[in-house]
Amino acid sequence: MINLSDNQKRWVPWMRRSIQLAQLAEGRTSPNPLVGSIVLDSNGRLVGEGFHTGAGNPHAEIEALTQAGKKSVEGTIVVTLEPCCHQGLTPPCTEAIIKAGLKTVVIGMVDPDPRVSGNGISRLKDSGLEVIEGVLSQECESINREFSFRVRHGRPWGILKWAMSLDGRISLPNGCSKWITDIPARHSVHRIRSKCDAVIVGGGTVRADNPLLTSRGKSNSEPLRVVFSRTLNLPPSAKLWDTKIARTIVAYGPESDESLLDNLPDGPEKLRLSSDSPLELLSSLAKKGCNKILWECGPKLATSAIEANCVQELVVFVAPKLLGGISSMSPLNNFGFEEIKSTYKLQHSFLERKGGDLSWRLLL
């Protein structure tokens, strides 16, 4: 509540409720943002509330107005995000608000989408409604960090996850890595997946681990599973080729041997890229509606993703174990740094226990 006016402060409790409603759909609205809304009647009593449940479904404002009915006349609507003013999969919310006969609109954050960005607010003001902006704007922006990042940069927010021992190993020298962390930490990974739109691995991970890459039932909509392969030398019987439980994309660059695709079943979608750049892959996933992706890849691809600015957040699980070995089995390859001052500096750390392991979240 930094530098809020008295008129803004009076709406803070209702905006907090709207934020709570918005978060009920976390992980299910992409490519759309998380939005919550409440409607108060002319006496300030709650008469309607709602949240956006997914692309193509009614927006939060419509859900709240539908519940309120005629009680919305001369009332107030509180919404975490600027109401849209364009025709998309659903009609513009600004027109529904105007038609409902409301007197006041309270908004948390301006929509970064250039089709809206301030135009929705202008439309409401031009129609004679009082518009109060910037109520808990930082909190509203925080819950839509990934959506805003995709809109502004044309690629999804990237999270890189790995699990390692206390001495920084991700496996034994012979490649054995199951299991470095215990069950609570692995369950936490499933929860992270359930909030992401896609999970990306390289061909080496498919060959070595044969992963399933699902949320293990923690989400009704499993993330898209993406195999980013330079060679297309992939095992024909991998778990990822079964697309009954989740979609799979095999992405590859121009130097890959496309004839090897004949060894794979028909289920996975094939995505040919013009380069082996992680940036091009993420741009393609953004066009498919991904706001947030999870890198669960080996050192080579992880390093490339960081260098291409395709990683904004790290989630590192540290187990109280010593693996040792002549080979370091590091989660990352060499960045080529020659001075400490040139290295990546992390910020905004959050540390918590997951059973006997530690989970560390940092921004890159």
Protein backbone atom coordinates (compact mmCIF):
# COMPACT_ATOMS: atom_id res chain seq x y z
CA MET A 1 0.00 0.00 0.00
CA ILE A 2 2.73 2.43 -0.99
CA ASN A 3 1.54 6.03 -1.45
CA LEU A 4 -2.14 5.13 -1.79
CA SER A 5 -4.70 7.89 -1.44
CA ASP A 6 -7.53 7.54 1.06
CA ASN A 7 -9.88 6.84 -1.83
CA GLN A 8 -7.63 4.00 -2.98
CA LYS A 9 -7.10 2.58 0.51
CA ARG A 10 -10.82 2.04 1.10
CA TRP A 11 -10.84 -0.52 -1.74
CA VAL A 12 -7.82 -2.52 -0.56
CA PRO A 13 -9.79 -5.29 1.26
CA TRP A 14 -11.97 -5.86 -1.81
CA MET A 15 -8.95 -5.91 -4.10
CA ARG A 16 -7.33 -8.50 -1.85
CA ARG A 17 -10.43 -10.64 -2.24
CA SER A 18 -10.26 -10.21 -6.01
CA ILE A 19 -6.62 -11.31 -6.00
CA GLN A 20 -7.54 -14.41 -3.98
CA LEU A 21 -10.22 -15.26 -6.53
CA ALA A 22 -7.81 -14.77 -9.44
CA GLN A 23 -5.29 -17.20 -7.95
CA LEU A 24 -7.87 -20.00 -7.87
CA ALA A 25 -7.17 -20.52 -11.57
CA GLU A 26 -3.36 -20.48 -11.36
CA GLY A 27 -1.84 -22.57 -14.13
CA ARG A 28 -5.07 -22.82 -16.15
CA THR A 29 -5.62 -19.49 -17.93
CA SER A 30 -2.75 -19.24 -20.43
CA PRO A 31 -2.37 -17.44 -22.72
CA ASN A 32 -4.70 -15.21 -20.71
CA PRO A 33 -3.84 -13.59 -17.36
CA LEU A 34 -5.17 -14.38 -13.91
CA VAL A 35 -8.08 -12.06 -13.12
CA GLY A 36 -10.49 -11.82 -10.20
CA SER A 37 -13.40 -9.45 -9.66
CA ILE A 38 -16.11 -8.56 -7.15
CA VAL A 39 -19.25 -6.39 -7.46
CA LEU A 40 -20.71 -4.26 -4.67
CA ASP A 41 -24.19 -2.75 -4.75
CA SER A 42 -24.91 0.94 -4.18
CA ASN A 43 -24.77 0.35 -0.41
CA GLY A 44 -21.37 -1.31 -0.55
CA ARG A 45 -22.60 -4.86 -0.03
CA LEU A 46 -21.04 -7.77 -1.88
CA VAL A 47 -23.47 -9.01 -4.54
CA GLY A 48 -21.23 -10.81 -7.01
CA GLU A 49 -17.78 -12.27 -7.49
CA GLY A 50 -15.93 -14.32 -10.05
CA PHE A 51 -12.62 -15.18 -11.70
CA HIS A 52 -11.41 -16.11 -15.16
CA THR A 53 -11.17 -19.91 -15.41
CA GLY A 54 -9.49 -20.28 -18.80
CA ALA A 55 -9.16 -19.06 -22.37
CA GLY A 56 -12.53 -18.95 -24.12
CA ASN A 57 -14.44 -18.86 -20.82
CA PRO A 58 -16.16 -15.71 -19.46
CA HIS A 59 -13.85 -13.10 -18.00
CA ALA A 60 -13.87 -12.38 -14.27
CA GLU A 61 -15.95 -9.22 -14.68
CA ILE A 62 -18.67 -11.10 -16.55
CA GLU A 63 -18.77 -13.84 -13.92
CA ALA A 64 -19.17 -11.25 -11.14
CA LEU A 65 -21.75 -9.17 -13.03
CA THR A 66 -23.79 -12.27 -13.89
CA GLN A 67 -23.94 -13.20 -10.22
CA ALA A 68 -24.86 -9.65 -9.21
CA GLY A 69 -27.60 -9.18 -11.81
CA LYS A 70 -29.59 -5.95 -11.42
CA LYS A 71 -28.04 -5.34 -8.00
CA SER A 72 -25.00 -3.92 -9.79
CA VAL A 73 -26.85 -0.71 -10.79
CA GLU A 74 -25.13 2.34 -9.25
CA GLY A 75 -22.65 -0.04 -7.66
CA THR A 76 -18.91 -0.70 -7.88
CA ILE A 77 -16.87 -3.35 -9.63
CA VAL A 78 -13.38 -4.19 -8.37
CA VAL A 79 -11.09 -6.02 -10.79
CA THR A 80 -7.42 -6.96 -10.61
CA LEU A 81 -6.72 -6.13 -14.28
CA GLU A 82 -7.91 -3.37 -16.58
CA PRO A 83 -11.09 -4.54 -18.35
CA CYS A 84 -10.58 -5.47 -21.99
CA CYS A 85 -12.03 -3.26 -24.73
CA HIS A 86 -11.54 -5.48 -27.77
CA GLN A 87 -13.34 -8.47 -29.26
CA GLY A 88 -11.37 -11.66 -28.63
CA LEU A 89 -12.73 -15.11 -27.86
CA THR A 90 -15.22 -13.23 -25.66
CA PRO A 91 -16.86 -9.77 -26.02
CA PRO A 92 -15.23 -6.66 -24.49
CA CYS A 93 -15.77 -6.37 -20.74
CA THR A 94 -15.89 -2.57 -20.87
CA GLU A 95 -19.21 -2.70 -22.71
CA ALA A 96 -20.69 -5.16 -20.21
CA ILE A 97 -19.62 -2.88 -17.34
CA ILE A 98 -21.16 0.17 -18.98
CA LYS A 99 -24.38 -1.71 -19.75
CA ALA A 100 -24.65 -2.95 -16.14
CA GLY A 101 -25.18 0.60 -14.90
CA LEU A 102 -22.24 0.65 -12.52
CA LYS A 103 -21.02 3.91 -11.03
CA THR A 104 -17.41 3.09 -10.11
CA VAL A 105 -14.68 0.81 -11.44
CA VAL A 106 -11.67 0.00 -9.23
CA ILE A 107 -8.65 -1.43 -11.10
CA GLY A 108 -5.49 -3.05 -9.79
CA MET A 109 -3.13 -2.93 -12.77
CA VAL A 110 -3.10 -1.66 -16.34
CA ASP A 111 -3.21 -4.44 -18.93
CA PRO A 112 0.19 -4.68 -20.72
CA ASP A 113 -1.52 -6.06 -23.83
CA PRO A 114 -1.24 -3.24 -26.42
CA ARG A 115 -4.80 -3.98 -27.58
CA VAL A 116 -6.00 -2.81 -24.17
CA SER A 117 -3.24 -0.94 -22.28
CA GLY A 118 -5.09 2.17 -21.09
CA ASN A 119 -7.76 2.01 -23.77
CA GLY A 120 -10.14 0.11 -21.51
CA ILE A 121 -9.74 2.74 -18.80
CA SER A 122 -10.31 5.54 -21.33
CA ARG A 123 -13.47 3.85 -22.63
CA LEU A 124 -14.90 3.62 -19.11
CA LYS A 125 -14.05 7.23 -18.25
CA ASP A 126 -15.48 8.49 -21.53
CA SER A 127 -18.74 6.75 -20.61
CA GLY A 128 -18.98 8.71 -17.37
CA LEU A 129 -17.84 6.06 -14.89
CA GLU A 130 -15.52 6.89 -12.02
CA VAL A 131 -12.29 4.90 -12.46
CA ILE A 132 -9.93 4.36 -9.53
CA GLU A 133 -6.60 2.91 -10.64
CA GLY A 134 -3.54 1.43 -8.97
CA VAL A 135 -5.10 -0.31 -5.96
CA LEU A 136 -2.58 -2.98 -4.85
CA SER A 137 -0.95 -2.68 -8.27
CA GLN A 138 2.25 -4.44 -7.21
CA GLU A 139 0.33 -7.45 -5.88
CA CYS A 140 -1.78 -7.61 -9.04
CA GLU A 141 1.31 -7.38 -11.22
CA SER A 142 2.99 -10.10 -9.18
CA ILE A 143 0.33 -12.73 -9.84
CA ASN A 144 0.55 -11.95 -13.58
CA ARG A 145 4.33 -11.70 -13.81
CA GLU A 146 4.54 -14.48 -16.42
CA PHE A 147 1.68 -13.15 -18.56
CA SER A 148 3.18 -9.66 -18.60
CA PHE A 149 6.62 -11.03 -19.45
CA ARG A 150 5.27 -12.94 -22.47
CA VAL A 151 3.33 -9.91 -23.73
CA ARG A 152 6.35 -7.62 -23.42
CA HIS A 153 9.08 -9.98 -24.63
CA GLY A 154 7.32 -12.40 -26.97
CA ARG A 155 8.42 -15.50 -25.06
CA PRO A 156 7.31 -17.33 -21.89
CA TRP A 157 8.78 -16.81 -18.46
CA GLY A 158 11.44 -19.53 -18.05
CA ILE A 159 12.12 -21.52 -14.89
CA LEU A 160 15.18 -23.77 -14.71
CA LYS A 161 15.02 -26.55 -12.15
CA TRP A 162 17.61 -29.04 -11.00
CA ALA A 163 18.31 -31.26 -8.00
CA MET A 164 21.83 -31.71 -6.68
CA SER A 165 23.85 -33.01 -3.76
CA LEU A 166 25.52 -30.74 -1.23
CA ASP A 167 28.75 -31.02 -3.22
CA GLY A 168 27.02 -29.81 -6.38
CA ARG A 169 26.57 -33.11 -8.26
CA ILE A 170 23.47 -33.97 -10.27
CA SER A 171 24.44 -37.64 -10.63
CA LEU A 172 27.15 -40.18 -9.99
CA PRO A 173 29.96 -40.53 -12.56
CA ASN A 174 28.13 -43.54 -14.03
CA GLY A 175 25.05 -41.38 -14.69
CA CYS A 176 22.88 -42.70 -11.83
CA SER A 177 20.72 -39.89 -10.43
CA LYS A 178 17.67 -41.62 -8.88
CA TRP A 179 17.00 -40.34 -6.42
CA ILE A 180 19.14 -37.46 -5.18
CA THR A 181 16.20 -35.82 -3.40
CA ASP A 182 13.44 -37.45 -1.35
CA ILE A 183 9.70 -37.73 -1.99
CA PRO A 184 8.61 -34.29 -0.62
CA ALA A 185 10.99 -32.53 -2.99
CA ARG A 186 9.79 -34.61 -5.94
CA HIS A 187 6.19 -33.81 -5.06
CA SER A 188 7.15 -30.14 -5.08
CA VAL A 189 8.44 -30.55 -8.65
CA HIS A 190 5.10 -32.06 -9.64
CA ARG A 191 3.35 -28.99 -8.20
CA ILE A 192 5.64 -26.67 -10.15
CA ARG A 193 4.85 -28.58 -13.34
CA SER A 194 1.14 -28.28 -12.64
CA LYS A 195 1.48 -24.47 -12.74
CA CYS A 196 3.51 -24.41 -15.97
CA ASP A 197 2.30 -24.55 -19.56
CA ALA A 198 5.20 -26.61 -20.86
CA VAL A 199 8.14 -28.68 -19.62
CA ILE A 200 11.28 -28.80 -21.79
CA VAL A 201 13.98 -31.47 -21.87
CA GLY A 202 16.77 -32.32 -24.28
CA GLY A 203 17.33 -35.56 -26.12
CA GLY A 204 19.99 -36.61 -23.64
CA THR A 205 17.51 -36.49 -20.76
CA VAL A 206 15.04 -38.63 -22.74
CA ARG A 207 17.74 -41.21 -23.49
CA ALA A 208 19.15 -41.30 -19.95
CA ASP A 209 16.06 -40.95 -17.75
CA ASN A 210 13.01 -41.79 -19.91
CA PRO A 211 10.92 -39.23 -17.95
CA LEU A 212 7.14 -38.90 -17.91
CA LEU A 213 7.13 -35.12 -17.16
CA THR A 214 3.57 -34.89 -15.83
CA SER A 215 2.21 -33.31 -12.66
CA ARG A 216 1.20 -36.78 -11.45
CA GLY A 217 -2.43 -35.72 -11.25
CA LYS A 218 -1.87 -32.38 -9.50
CA SER A 219 -3.44 -30.62 -12.51
CA ASN A 220 -6.41 -31.58 -14.67
CA SER A 221 -4.55 -30.05 -17.60
CA GLU A 222 -1.07 -31.54 -17.89
CA PRO A 223 1.73 -29.31 -19.21
CA LEU A 224 2.87 -29.64 -22.79
CA ARG A 225 5.96 -31.87 -22.90
CA VAL A 226 8.69 -30.61 -25.23
CA VAL A 227 11.74 -32.53 -26.39
CA PHE A 228 14.32 -30.15 -27.88
CA SER A 229 16.73 -32.34 -29.84
CA ARG A 230 19.71 -31.40 -31.98
CA THR A 231 20.14 -34.86 -33.50
CA LEU A 232 16.70 -36.55 -33.29
CA ASN A 233 18.54 -39.60 -32.00
CA LEU A 234 15.66 -40.49 -29.71
CA PRO A 235 14.54 -43.86 -28.31
CA PRO A 236 11.44 -45.16 -30.16
CA SER A 237 9.78 -46.44 -26.97
CA ALA A 238 10.07 -43.41 -24.65
CA LYS A 239 7.22 -42.63 -22.24
CA LEU A 240 6.84 -39.20 -23.78
CA TRP A 241 5.54 -40.64 -27.05
CA ASP A 242 2.32 -41.75 -25.31
CA THR A 243 0.16 -38.65 -25.77
CA LYS A 244 -3.01 -40.00 -24.13
CA ILE A 245 -2.18 -38.28 -20.83
CA ALA A 246 -0.35 -35.21 -22.15
CA ARG A 247 0.67 -33.65 -25.46
CA THR A 248 4.27 -33.93 -26.64
CA ILE A 249 6.21 -31.82 -29.12
CA VAL A 250 9.50 -32.86 -30.68
CA ALA A 251 11.35 -29.66 -31.64
CA TYR A 252 14.48 -29.72 -33.75
CA GLY A 253 16.74 -27.49 -35.82
CA PRO A 254 17.77 -27.48 -39.49
CA GLU A 255 20.79 -29.78 -39.01
CA SER A 256 18.76 -32.64 -37.54
CA ASP A 257 18.27 -35.85 -39.51
CA GLU A 258 14.52 -35.72 -40.15
CA SER A 259 14.51 -39.30 -41.38
CA LEU A 260 14.91 -40.36 -37.74
CA LEU A 261 11.39 -39.06 -37.09
CA ASP A 262 10.16 -42.22 -38.83
CA ASN A 263 11.34 -44.16 -35.78
CA LEU A 264 8.83 -42.32 -33.58
CA PRO A 265 5.10 -43.04 -33.26
CA ASP A 266 2.54 -40.66 -34.73
CA GLY A 267 1.42 -39.16 -31.40
CA PRO A 268 3.98 -36.39 -30.83
CA GLU A 269 3.74 -33.14 -32.79
CA LYS A 270 6.82 -32.30 -34.85
CA LEU A 271 8.14 -28.72 -34.75
CA ARG A 272 10.92 -27.79 -37.16
CA LEU A 273 12.84 -24.66 -36.21
CA SER A 274 15.20 -22.57 -38.32
CA SER A 275 17.92 -22.77 -35.65
CA ASP A 276 18.96 -24.62 -32.50
CA SER A 277 18.38 -21.50 -30.41
CA PRO A 278 16.33 -21.86 -27.20
CA LEU A 279 15.04 -18.36 -27.95
CA GLU A 280 13.36 -19.49 -31.16
CA LEU A 281 11.83 -22.46 -29.37
CA LEU A 282 10.34 -20.21 -26.67
CA SER A 283 9.02 -17.76 -29.27
CA SER A 284 7.20 -20.69 -30.89
CA LEU A 285 5.79 -21.80 -27.54
CA ALA A 286 4.58 -18.26 -26.84
CA LYS A 287 2.59 -18.41 -30.08
CA LYS A 288 1.08 -21.65 -28.81
CA GLY A 289 -0.18 -19.80 -25.73
CA CYS A 290 2.51 -20.56 -23.14
CA ASN A 291 3.03 -17.97 -20.42
CA LYS A 292 5.38 -20.03 -18.24
CA ILE A 293 7.69 -22.94 -19.04
CA LEU A 294 9.92 -25.22 -17.00
CA TRP A 295 13.37 -26.33 -18.13
CA GLU A 296 14.18 -29.79 -16.74
CA CYS A 297 17.15 -30.41 -18.97
CA GLY A 298 20.79 -31.41 -18.80
CA PRO A 299 23.82 -29.11 -18.38
CA LYS A 300 24.38 -28.32 -22.07
CA LEU A 301 20.84 -27.18 -22.83
CA ALA A 302 20.49 -25.46 -19.43
CA THR A 303 23.60 -23.40 -20.13
CA SER A 304 22.36 -22.47 -23.61
CA ALA A 305 19.00 -21.44 -22.18
CA ILE A 306 20.62 -19.15 -19.61
CA GLU A 307 22.94 -17.59 -22.18
CA ALA A 308 19.96 -16.93 -24.49
CA ASN A 309 18.11 -15.14 -21.64
CA CYS A 310 15.45 -17.87 -21.68
CA VAL A 311 15.71 -18.44 -17.91
CA GLN A 312 14.31 -15.85 -15.49
CA GLU A 313 14.04 -18.00 -12.37
CA LEU A 314 15.93 -20.89 -10.80
CA VAL A 315 14.48 -23.59 -8.56
CA VAL A 316 17.29 -25.62 -7.03
CA PHE A 317 16.79 -28.59 -4.73
CA VAL A 318 19.76 -29.39 -2.51
CA ALA A 319 19.98 -32.76 -0.80
CA PRO A 320 22.19 -33.33 2.29
CA LYS A 321 24.23 -35.95 0.45
CA LEU A 322 27.80 -36.19 -0.85
CA LEU A 323 28.09 -37.90 -4.22
CA GLY A 324 31.75 -37.18 -4.98
CA GLY A 325 33.39 -38.55 -8.11
CA ILE A 326 36.18 -37.38 -10.38
CA SER A 327 33.65 -36.06 -12.84
CA SER A 328 31.90 -33.03 -11.38
CA MET A 329 28.52 -33.81 -13.01
CA SER A 330 27.61 -30.15 -12.65
CA PRO A 331 24.09 -28.90 -13.48
CA LEU A 332 25.67 -26.36 -15.87
CA ASN A 333 28.43 -26.26 -18.46
CA ASN A 334 31.21 -23.70 -18.69
CA PHE A 335 30.03 -20.13 -19.33
CA GLY A 336 33.56 -19.04 -20.21
CA PHE A 337 33.85 -16.49 -17.40
CA GLU A 338 37.36 -15.34 -16.51
CA GLU A 339 36.50 -12.88 -13.74
CA ILE A 340 34.10 -13.23 -10.81
CA LYS A 341 32.59 -9.83 -11.58
CA SER A 342 31.39 -11.20 -14.94
CA THR A 343 29.34 -14.04 -13.45
CA TYR A 344 25.56 -14.23 -13.18
CA LYS A 345 24.31 -12.60 -9.99
CA LEU A 346 21.10 -13.99 -8.52
CA GLN A 347 18.53 -12.13 -6.44
CA HIS A 348 15.29 -12.40 -4.51
CA SER A 349 16.04 -15.76 -2.93
CA PHE A 350 13.45 -17.86 -1.11
CA LEU A 351 14.57 -20.88 0.85
CA GLU A 352 12.34 -23.56 2.36
CA ARG A 353 12.56 -27.14 3.55
CA LYS A 354 11.06 -29.99 1.55
CA GLY A 355 11.34 -32.97 3.87
CA GLY A 356 15.04 -33.52 4.39
CA ASP A 357 16.00 -31.40 1.38
CA LEU A 358 16.16 -27.66 0.73
CA SER A 359 14.37 -25.81 -2.08
CA TRP A 360 15.92 -22.53 -3.21
CA ARG A 361 14.10 -20.16 -5.59
CA LEU A 362 16.04 -17.29 -7.14
CA LEU A 363 15.61 -14.76 -9.90
CA LEU A 364 18.29 -14.62 -12.55
